[in-house]
Amino acid sequence: MSESEQSESDAAQYDTHYGGIPITVNDLLNVIWLTGAVVTAAILIISNLRFYLALRKRRKLLEIECPVRVYSVENLSSSCLFRNAIYVTAETAADEAQLRYVIEHELSHNRHGDLFWTFMRCVVLTIHWFNPLVWLAAEMSRQDCELCADAGALKVLGEGKSVEYGSALIQLSVSPVLKSSLLYATTTMSSGKRSLKERITMIAHQPRKTAMVSISVILIIVIAIGAALVDSDGRYHFSMSENDISELDIDSILSNISKAKKLDDTSEILTYGSPIIANFDPNFNWSDFSAIISFYYTKNQKTYHSELNIYGGNNKYSIPKYEDLYYEYPIYEGYKWSENEEAHKLRDLLNALKYLPKEEIKKLAPNADHYQVDLQSNIPPNNEDHVINYNKDGVTNTDGSKIHLTIWSMKRDKQHNNGYISNGQNLIHAYYVE
């Protein structure tokens, strides 16, 4: 060929040269695609492996009749079907009705072989990682699986349970937000607010025997649409400037709760059982982990349950907007929930946190990377040297009504996502004397 023809041929065939070796455009695109596929596959594998290890670490087998094993998992974001076992949140495990609906939903997934299809979606996403339309199709496929699982669960439960099932679905999908990800080869009952309306509509279109049931389902749809119109997570959020636990502005917190829930008397805001998990760094500043404090209040001759979440990393706290009815009758100060568990005022529990004897705790656990505090009145001290009685004025020997807080000294666990662990030895028992 002539010199000009050869030049044109080279220009058409090669895009660039690297180290004297010609690389075609096709070769370059293949390298980019393969790199993306390997990275996507690695993310999927690592995400699922970490998820499985986290489940194994925290799961507790529930002794119930079910074709597959059912485990309760603390701090699980959403109940799910994973590796032929059903994993439910601790809150769901404690609610017998909700537990049944979740199990039937996940068993429906199991009958449909949806674990296989979640795996196939992961394979397709790995191959077509660059195509946003494939990701959209995978998400729509996942939503279709949830619709089919709802239909399968309702077929087993019967028409009479449609309203209760829809209510449980709204509770799981709206308060607080439960999310599932295409990165996990798992199924979940909750699928977010976007698909909630479609799923509730599907429930409403099931054959009905009476007009009253139809009206009830329509009300569920109205509730779902109303819930979708509230802010992104359905909670009241408040700012806080306090970092150190001793600076906690209890009056402001109680005042905001009272205004949000339209209460007349904050002294009727009570706690019960094991209502608190609070986390602090070695200097007793709020850690990035949120503190969760359950409480109850009486209004209109009924008792409602709610929770206070404190987000130390974001300097804010929040409470849910929705009203969670707990009892059809009111509870009062000093009410005993059981023989061994007594209700405390929320103010007194917050005071117990605020006035924690920090220096004494540091002396008993000088090498702690993290402190976790909960209310465990049923755990007796196994070391009298690790018992502290205190009030707002400091350590005391004064006797009286006490709030028993347990402080867990924790070390950073670099082998498991840099979290914190405790061997459970030499717990510090702090008794706040009211």
Protein backbone atom coordinates (compact mmCIF):
# COMPACT_ATOMS: atom_id res chain seq x y z
CA MET A 1 0.00 0.00 0.00
CA SER A 2 1.00 3.59 -0.45
CA GLU A 3 2.21 5.54 2.54
CA SER A 4 -1.03 7.54 2.77
CA GLU A 5 -3.20 4.39 2.53
CA GLN A 6 -1.15 2.71 5.25
CA SER A 7 -1.58 5.78 7.47
CA GLU A 8 -5.35 5.78 6.97
CA SER A 9 -5.51 2.05 7.75
CA ASP A 10 -3.55 2.50 10.97
CA ALA A 11 -5.75 5.40 12.02
CA ALA A 12 -8.90 3.35 11.45
CA GLN A 13 -7.59 0.27 13.27
CA TYR A 14 -5.73 1.67 16.27
CA ASP A 15 -6.71 4.19 18.87
CA THR A 16 -3.45 4.37 20.81
CA HIS A 17 -0.19 2.56 21.53
CA TYR A 18 1.13 1.46 24.88
CA GLY A 19 4.69 0.30 25.26
CA GLY A 20 4.96 -0.19 21.52
CA ILE A 21 1.94 -2.60 21.52
CA PRO A 22 -1.06 -1.34 19.52
CA ILE A 23 -4.38 -1.30 21.48
CA THR A 24 -7.65 -1.21 19.58
CA VAL A 25 -10.69 0.67 20.79
CA ASN A 26 -12.41 -2.68 21.24
CA ASP A 27 -9.55 -3.92 23.43
CA LEU A 28 -9.76 -0.79 25.59
CA LEU A 29 -13.53 -1.14 26.03
CA ASN A 30 -13.11 -4.82 26.95
CA VAL A 31 -10.59 -3.91 29.65
CA ILE A 32 -12.93 -1.25 31.05
CA TRP A 33 -15.90 -3.65 31.03
CA LEU A 34 -13.92 -6.47 32.65
CA THR A 35 -12.57 -4.15 35.34
CA GLY A 36 -16.07 -2.91 36.15
CA ALA A 37 -17.45 -6.45 36.23
CA VAL A 38 -14.71 -7.63 38.59
CA VAL A 39 -15.23 -4.64 40.89
CA THR A 40 -19.04 -5.12 40.88
CA ALA A 41 -18.67 -8.86 41.57
CA ALA A 42 -16.24 -8.15 44.42
CA ILE A 43 -18.66 -5.62 45.96
CA LEU A 44 -21.55 -8.09 45.71
CA ILE A 45 -19.55 -10.97 47.19
CA ILE A 46 -18.06 -8.91 50.03
CA SER A 47 -21.43 -7.28 50.85
CA ASN A 48 -23.21 -10.63 51.08
CA LEU A 49 -20.38 -12.25 53.04
CA ARG A 50 -20.29 -9.44 55.58
CA PHE A 51 -24.07 -9.54 55.84
CA TYR A 52 -24.04 -13.29 56.46
CA LEU A 53 -21.30 -13.05 59.08
CA ALA A 54 -23.18 -10.26 60.85
CA LEU A 55 -26.33 -12.38 60.89
CA ARG A 56 -24.51 -15.41 62.29
CA LYS A 57 -22.94 -13.29 65.01
CA ARG A 58 -26.18 -11.73 66.28
CA ARG A 59 -28.87 -14.29 65.46
CA LYS A 60 -30.95 -16.24 67.99
CA LEU A 61 -33.00 -19.26 66.93
CA LEU A 62 -36.73 -18.90 67.59
CA GLU A 63 -38.46 -22.07 68.78
CA ILE A 64 -41.53 -21.89 66.54
CA GLU A 65 -43.15 -24.24 64.06
CA CYS A 66 -41.97 -23.31 60.58
CA PRO A 67 -40.74 -25.24 57.49
CA VAL A 68 -37.49 -23.24 57.62
CA ARG A 69 -35.39 -21.97 60.52
CA VAL A 70 -36.39 -18.58 61.93
CA TYR A 71 -33.88 -16.36 63.73
CA SER A 72 -34.26 -13.13 65.68
CA VAL A 73 -31.48 -10.58 65.02
CA GLU A 74 -30.78 -7.45 67.06
CA ASN A 75 -30.29 -4.21 65.06
CA LEU A 76 -31.41 -5.83 61.80
CA SER A 77 -32.69 -3.16 59.40
CA SER A 78 -35.35 -5.40 57.85
CA SER A 79 -36.66 -8.93 58.21
CA CYS A 80 -35.51 -11.08 55.29
CA LEU A 81 -35.05 -14.51 53.70
CA PHE A 82 -31.37 -15.38 53.32
CA ARG A 83 -29.71 -18.74 52.65
CA ASN A 84 -32.94 -20.70 53.23
CA ALA A 85 -33.53 -19.17 56.68
CA ILE A 86 -35.82 -16.37 57.81
CA TYR A 87 -34.27 -13.55 59.84
CA VAL A 88 -36.60 -11.17 61.69
CA THR A 89 -35.93 -8.02 63.65
CA ALA A 90 -36.11 -8.14 67.44
CA GLU A 91 -39.18 -5.87 67.29
CA THR A 92 -40.97 -8.24 64.91
CA ALA A 93 -40.05 -11.27 67.05
CA ALA A 94 -41.72 -9.58 70.02
CA ASP A 95 -44.96 -8.93 68.11
CA GLU A 96 -46.78 -12.24 67.57
CA ALA A 97 -49.15 -10.96 64.87
CA GLN A 98 -46.47 -9.13 62.91
CA LEU A 99 -44.16 -12.14 63.21
CA ARG A 100 -46.77 -14.36 61.57
CA TYR A 101 -47.27 -11.97 58.65
CA VAL A 102 -43.53 -11.61 58.07
CA ILE A 103 -42.98 -15.38 58.18
CA GLU A 104 -45.82 -16.02 55.71
CA HIS A 105 -44.43 -13.35 53.39
CA GLU A 106 -40.92 -14.84 53.45
CA LEU A 107 -42.28 -18.39 53.07
CA SER A 108 -44.06 -17.17 49.95
CA HIS A 109 -40.70 -15.96 48.63
CA ASN A 110 -39.27 -19.37 49.47
CA ARG A 111 -42.03 -21.21 47.56
CA HIS A 112 -41.49 -19.00 44.53
CA GLY A 113 -37.74 -19.69 44.49
CA ASP A 114 -37.00 -15.98 44.81
CA LEU A 115 -33.56 -16.56 46.33
CA PHE A 116 -32.54 -17.99 42.94
CA TRP A 117 -33.87 -14.92 41.17
CA THR A 118 -32.07 -12.55 43.54
CA PHE A 119 -28.87 -14.43 42.69
CA MET A 120 -29.60 -14.16 38.97
CA ARG A 121 -30.20 -10.42 39.32
CA CYS A 122 -26.77 -10.11 40.91
CA VAL A 123 -25.23 -12.02 37.98
CA VAL A 124 -26.98 -9.80 35.42
CA LEU A 125 -25.92 -6.65 37.28
CA THR A 126 -22.33 -7.87 37.30
CA ILE A 127 -22.37 -8.39 33.52
CA HIS A 128 -24.27 -5.18 32.71
CA TRP A 129 -22.85 -3.01 35.50
CA PHE A 130 -22.52 -0.03 33.12
CA ASN A 131 -26.19 0.00 32.00
CA PRO A 132 -28.57 2.05 34.18
CA LEU A 133 -31.58 0.51 32.44
CA VAL A 134 -30.52 -2.94 33.65
CA TRP A 135 -30.28 -1.63 37.23
CA LEU A 136 -33.77 -0.15 36.82
CA ALA A 137 -35.06 -3.46 35.44
CA ALA A 138 -33.52 -5.33 38.39
CA GLU A 139 -35.23 -3.00 40.85
CA MET A 140 -38.59 -3.44 39.08
CA SER A 141 -38.06 -7.22 39.11
CA ARG A 142 -37.44 -7.09 42.86
CA GLN A 143 -40.64 -5.10 43.38
CA ASP A 144 -42.58 -7.66 41.31
CA CYS A 145 -41.22 -10.39 43.59
CA GLU A 146 -42.59 -8.49 46.59
CA LEU A 147 -46.02 -8.17 44.94
CA CYS A 148 -46.09 -11.91 44.23
CA ALA A 149 -44.99 -12.68 47.78
CA ASP A 150 -47.79 -10.47 49.15
CA ALA A 151 -50.32 -12.34 47.01
CA GLY A 152 -48.94 -15.70 48.12
CA ALA A 153 -49.01 -14.70 51.80
CA LEU A 154 -52.60 -13.44 51.55
CA LYS A 155 -53.63 -16.69 49.87
CA VAL A 156 -52.39 -18.60 52.92
CA LEU A 157 -53.62 -16.11 55.52
CA GLY A 158 -57.06 -15.74 53.96
CA GLU A 159 -59.12 -12.69 53.00
CA GLY A 160 -59.99 -11.93 56.59
CA LYS A 161 -56.38 -11.00 57.38
CA SER A 162 -55.86 -8.58 54.47
CA VAL A 163 -56.43 -5.45 56.54
CA GLU A 164 -54.08 -6.55 59.33
CA TYR A 165 -51.49 -7.64 56.77
CA GLY A 166 -51.69 -4.27 55.03
CA SER A 167 -51.32 -2.47 58.36
CA ALA A 168 -48.22 -4.51 59.17
CA LEU A 169 -46.82 -3.71 55.73
CA ILE A 170 -47.34 0.02 56.30
CA GLN A 171 -45.67 -0.16 59.72
CA LEU A 172 -42.64 -2.00 58.32
CA SER A 173 -42.28 0.24 55.26
CA VAL A 174 -42.91 3.66 56.78
CA SER A 175 -41.82 3.78 60.41
CA PRO A 176 -38.85 3.89 60.64
CA VAL A 177 -37.54 3.46 57.09
CA LEU A 178 -36.48 -0.07 56.22
CA LYS A 179 -34.43 -0.47 53.05
CA SER A 180 -33.24 -3.42 51.03
CA SER A 181 -30.49 -3.31 48.45
CA LEU A 182 -29.88 -4.90 45.07
CA LEU A 183 -26.42 -5.71 46.40
CA TYR A 184 -27.80 -8.44 48.66
CA ALA A 185 -29.00 -11.86 47.48
CA THR A 186 -31.91 -11.70 49.88
CA THR A 187 -35.62 -10.86 50.03
CA THR A 188 -37.37 -8.51 52.43
CA MET A 189 -40.97 -7.76 53.35
CA SER A 190 -40.34 -3.99 53.35
CA SER A 191 -39.55 -2.31 50.04
CA GLY A 192 -39.78 1.41 50.75
CA LYS A 193 -42.48 3.99 50.20
CA ARG A 194 -42.22 4.12 46.39
CA SER A 195 -43.67 0.67 45.90
CA LEU A 196 -45.87 0.77 49.03
CA LYS A 197 -48.86 2.28 47.23
CA GLU A 198 -48.77 -0.37 44.48
CA ARG A 199 -48.58 -3.18 47.02
CA ILE A 200 -51.44 -1.81 49.14
CA THR A 201 -53.50 -1.31 45.96
CA MET A 202 -52.88 -4.94 45.05
CA ILE A 203 -54.16 -5.99 48.46
CA ALA A 204 -57.24 -3.80 47.99
CA HIS A 205 -58.04 -5.43 44.65
CA GLN A 206 -58.21 -8.92 46.16
CA PRO A 207 -61.79 -10.34 46.09
CA ARG A 208 -63.77 -9.19 49.12
CA LYS A 209 -66.77 -10.78 50.79
CA THR A 210 -68.18 -7.65 52.43
CA ALA A 211 -68.32 -3.92 51.75
CA MET A 212 -66.91 -3.24 55.22
CA VAL A 213 -63.65 -5.02 54.40
CA SER A 214 -63.35 -3.03 51.17
CA ILE A 215 -63.85 0.21 53.06
CA SER A 216 -61.16 -0.84 55.54
CA VAL A 217 -58.66 -1.51 52.75
CA ILE A 218 -59.42 1.87 51.18
CA LEU A 219 -58.67 3.46 54.55
CA ILE A 220 -55.31 1.65 54.55
CA ILE A 221 -54.53 3.19 51.16
CA VAL A 222 -55.41 6.64 52.49
CA ILE A 223 -53.17 6.07 55.51
CA ALA A 224 -50.32 4.88 53.26
CA ILE A 225 -50.61 7.92 50.99
CA GLY A 226 -50.73 10.21 54.02
CA ALA A 227 -47.66 8.55 55.47
CA ALA A 228 -45.83 9.05 52.18
CA LEU A 229 -46.54 12.77 52.37
CA VAL A 230 -44.72 13.25 55.68
CA ASP A 231 -41.01 13.93 55.70
CA SER A 232 -38.57 11.27 54.52
CA ASP A 233 -38.52 9.23 57.71
CA GLY A 234 -41.72 10.23 59.49
CA ARG A 235 -39.99 11.73 62.55
CA TYR A 236 -39.75 15.05 64.37
CA HIS A 237 -36.11 16.19 64.41
CA PHE A 238 -34.59 18.60 66.94
CA SER A 239 -31.13 20.12 67.13
CA MET A 240 -28.89 19.79 70.16
CA SER A 241 -25.59 21.48 70.98
CA GLU A 242 -24.50 19.12 73.75
CA ASN A 243 -21.62 16.71 73.11
CA ASP A 244 -20.85 15.63 76.68
CA ILE A 245 -23.53 13.58 78.39
CA SER A 246 -23.30 15.81 81.47
CA GLU A 247 -24.50 18.77 79.34
CA LEU A 248 -27.75 17.04 78.34
CA ASP A 249 -30.62 19.56 78.27
CA ILE A 250 -33.35 17.39 79.75
CA ASP A 251 -35.91 20.20 80.07
CA SER A 252 -35.63 20.99 76.37
CA ILE A 253 -36.02 17.32 75.37
CA LEU A 254 -39.10 16.82 77.55
CA SER A 255 -40.59 20.09 76.37
CA ASN A 256 -40.20 19.13 72.70
CA ILE A 257 -41.69 15.69 73.34
CA SER A 258 -44.60 17.30 75.15
CA LYS A 259 -45.25 19.76 72.30
CA ALA A 260 -44.93 17.12 69.58
CA LYS A 261 -47.23 14.64 71.32
CA LYS A 262 -49.53 17.37 72.73
CA LEU A 263 -49.13 16.29 76.35
CA ASP A 264 -50.20 18.25 79.40
CA ASP A 265 -47.79 16.78 81.95
CA THR A 266 -44.29 15.50 81.20
CA SER A 267 -44.25 13.62 84.52
CA GLU A 268 -46.53 11.05 82.87
CA ILE A 269 -43.83 10.14 80.34
CA LEU A 270 -42.60 6.80 81.68
CA THR A 271 -40.06 4.11 80.84
CA TYR A 272 -40.27 0.38 81.46
CA GLY A 273 -38.28 -2.85 81.16
CA SER A 274 -35.00 -2.30 79.29
CA PRO A 275 -35.76 0.99 77.59
CA ILE A 276 -32.28 2.29 76.86
CA ILE A 277 -29.14 1.65 74.88
CA ALA A 278 -26.73 4.60 74.96
CA ASN A 279 -23.20 4.80 73.54
CA PHE A 280 -20.31 7.05 74.54
CA ASP A 281 -16.68 7.51 73.63
CA PRO A 282 -13.95 7.23 76.33
CA ASN A 283 -14.58 10.86 77.37
CA PHE A 284 -18.34 10.32 77.65
CA ASN A 285 -19.16 12.36 74.59
CA TRP A 286 -21.99 11.02 72.48
CA SER A 287 -20.55 8.58 69.94
CA ASP A 288 -21.67 8.35 66.33
CA PHE A 289 -24.00 5.52 67.35
CA SER A 290 -27.47 6.74 68.22
CA ALA A 291 -28.89 6.28 71.69
CA ILE A 292 -32.32 4.63 71.73
CA ILE A 293 -34.61 5.31 74.68
CA SER A 294 -38.13 3.83 74.72
CA PHE A 295 -40.87 5.63 76.60
CA TYR A 296 -44.64 5.59 77.15
CA TYR A 297 -47.15 8.37 77.60
CA THR A 298 -50.85 8.66 78.41
CA LYS A 299 -53.23 10.73 76.32
CA ASN A 300 -57.01 10.63 75.87
CA GLN A 301 -57.23 7.82 78.44
CA LYS A 302 -54.94 5.58 76.36
CA THR A 303 -51.28 4.66 76.58
CA TYR A 304 -48.89 5.06 73.65
CA HIS A 305 -45.35 3.83 73.05
CA SER A 306 -42.63 5.89 71.40
CA GLU A 307 -38.85 6.26 71.38
CA LEU A 308 -36.22 8.95 71.63
CA ASN A 309 -33.25 8.62 69.28
CA ILE A 310 -30.12 10.70 69.93
CA TYR A 311 -27.63 11.04 67.06
CA GLY A 312 -24.38 12.23 68.58
CA GLY A 313 -22.55 12.49 65.26
CA ASN A 314 -25.17 14.86 63.86
CA ASN A 315 -25.98 16.77 67.05
CA LYS A 316 -29.70 16.07 66.89
CA TYR A 317 -32.40 13.88 68.38
CA SER A 318 -35.76 12.73 67.08
CA ILE A 319 -39.06 11.06 67.96
CA PRO A 320 -41.61 9.38 65.63
CA LYS A 321 -44.57 11.35 64.37
CA TYR A 322 -46.94 8.41 64.39
CA GLU A 323 -48.93 7.34 67.47
CA ASP A 324 -48.20 3.75 68.51
CA LEU A 325 -51.12 2.60 70.69
CA TYR A 326 -49.86 0.32 73.47
CA TYR A 327 -52.76 0.03 75.93
CA GLU A 328 -56.44 0.90 75.65
CA TYR A 329 -56.27 2.36 79.16
CA PRO A 330 -53.88 4.79 80.89
CA ILE A 331 -50.89 4.00 83.07
CA TYR A 332 -49.77 6.13 85.97
CA GLU A 333 -46.65 6.95 87.91
CA GLY A 334 -45.40 4.01 89.95
CA TYR A 335 -47.22 1.44 87.85
CA LYS A 336 -45.60 -2.00 88.09
CA TRP A 337 -45.48 -3.70 84.71
CA SER A 338 -44.55 -7.02 86.28
CA GLU A 339 -43.44 -8.32 89.65
CA ASN A 340 -39.80 -7.31 89.05
CA GLU A 341 -40.07 -4.39 86.65
CA GLU A 342 -41.19 -0.93 87.67
CA ALA A 343 -41.86 2.10 85.52
CA HIS A 344 -39.55 5.10 85.90
CA LYS A 345 -40.10 8.66 84.81
CA LEU A 346 -38.27 9.49 81.59
CA ARG A 347 -36.85 12.56 83.38
CA ASP A 348 -35.31 10.35 86.08
CA LEU A 349 -33.75 8.00 83.50
CA LEU A 350 -32.26 10.96 81.60
CA ASN A 351 -30.95 12.30 84.91
CA ALA A 352 -29.34 8.91 85.56
CA LEU A 353 -27.49 9.30 82.25
CA LYS A 354 -26.63 12.96 82.75
CA TYR A 355 -25.07 12.49 86.18
CA LEU A 356 -23.12 9.29 85.47
CA PRO A 357 -19.98 9.29 87.67
CA LYS A 358 -17.57 9.52 84.76
CA GLU A 359 -14.30 9.63 86.69
CA GLU A 360 -15.20 6.61 88.82
CA ILE A 361 -16.21 4.65 85.71
CA LYS A 362 -12.95 5.57 83.96
CA LYS A 363 -10.97 4.29 86.96
CA LEU A 364 -12.78 0.95 86.82
CA ALA A 365 -12.36 0.66 83.03
CA PRO A 366 -9.28 2.75 82.18
CA ASN A 367 -8.58 1.14 78.79
CA ALA A 368 -12.06 1.28 77.30
CA ASP A 369 -12.45 2.52 73.71
CA HIS A 370 -16.20 2.78 74.06
CA TYR A 371 -18.94 2.61 76.70
CA GLN A 372 -22.40 1.17 76.20
CA VAL A 373 -25.05 1.81 78.83
CA ASP A 374 -28.33 -0.05 79.25
CA LEU A 375 -30.86 -0.68 81.98
CA GLN A 376 -30.43 -4.24 83.24
CA SER A 377 -32.01 -4.52 86.65
CA ASN A 378 -32.06 -8.32 86.39
CA ILE A 379 -28.26 -8.70 86.18
CA PRO A 380 -26.73 -8.87 89.67
CA PRO A 381 -23.20 -7.52 90.19
CA ASN A 382 -20.49 -10.20 90.25
CA ASN A 383 -17.86 -7.83 91.62
CA GLU A 384 -18.72 -5.50 94.51
CA ASP A 385 -15.80 -3.25 93.53
CA HIS A 386 -17.68 -2.45 90.31
CA VAL A 387 -20.80 -1.06 92.04
CA ILE A 388 -21.36 2.70 92.24
CA ASN A 389 -24.24 4.52 93.98
CA TYR A 390 -24.64 8.12 92.85
CA ASN A 391 -27.01 11.05 92.43
CA LYS A 392 -26.78 14.51 90.86
CA ASP A 393 -24.28 15.55 93.55
CA GLY A 394 -21.91 12.64 92.88
CA VAL A 395 -21.12 9.27 94.50
CA THR A 396 -23.26 8.60 97.55
CA ASN A 397 -24.22 5.99 100.11
CA THR A 398 -27.78 7.28 100.30
CA ASP A 399 -30.43 4.60 99.97
CA GLY A 400 -33.76 4.98 98.18
CA SER A 401 -35.51 4.27 94.91
CA LYS A 402 -32.82 3.36 92.39
CA ILE A 403 -32.35 3.12 88.64
CA HIS A 404 -29.89 0.36 87.80
CA LEU A 405 -27.69 1.18 84.80
CA THR A 406 -25.16 -1.32 83.48
CA ILE A 407 -22.01 0.03 81.81
CA TRP A 408 -20.24 -2.23 79.32
CA SER A 409 -16.56 -1.49 78.83
CA MET A 410 -15.84 -2.17 75.15
CA LYS A 411 -12.76 -2.47 72.95
CA ARG A 412 -12.45 -1.70 69.26
CA ASP A 413 -12.74 -4.85 67.13
CA LYS A 414 -10.58 -4.28 64.05
CA GLN A 415 -11.35 -7.73 62.68
CA HIS A 416 -15.08 -7.05 62.34
CA ASN A 417 -15.62 -3.74 60.57
CA ASN A 418 -13.86 -1.76 63.29
CA GLY A 419 -16.83 -2.09 65.64
CA TYR A 420 -16.75 -2.63 69.41
CA ILE A 421 -16.97 -5.79 71.49
CA SER A 422 -17.10 -6.67 75.18
CA ASN A 423 -16.31 -9.92 76.95
CA GLY A 424 -19.08 -9.19 79.46
CA GLN A 425 -16.70 -9.47 82.42
CA ASN A 426 -16.58 -6.99 85.30
CA LEU A 427 -19.58 -4.98 84.22
CA ILE A 428 -19.94 -1.67 86.03
CA HIS A 429 -23.25 -1.37 87.89
CA ALA A 430 -24.26 2.25 88.48
CA TYR A 431 -27.28 2.86 90.74
CA TYR A 432 -28.84 6.29 90.39
CA VAL A 433 -30.57 7.21 93.65
CA GLU A 434 -33.62 9.39 92.95
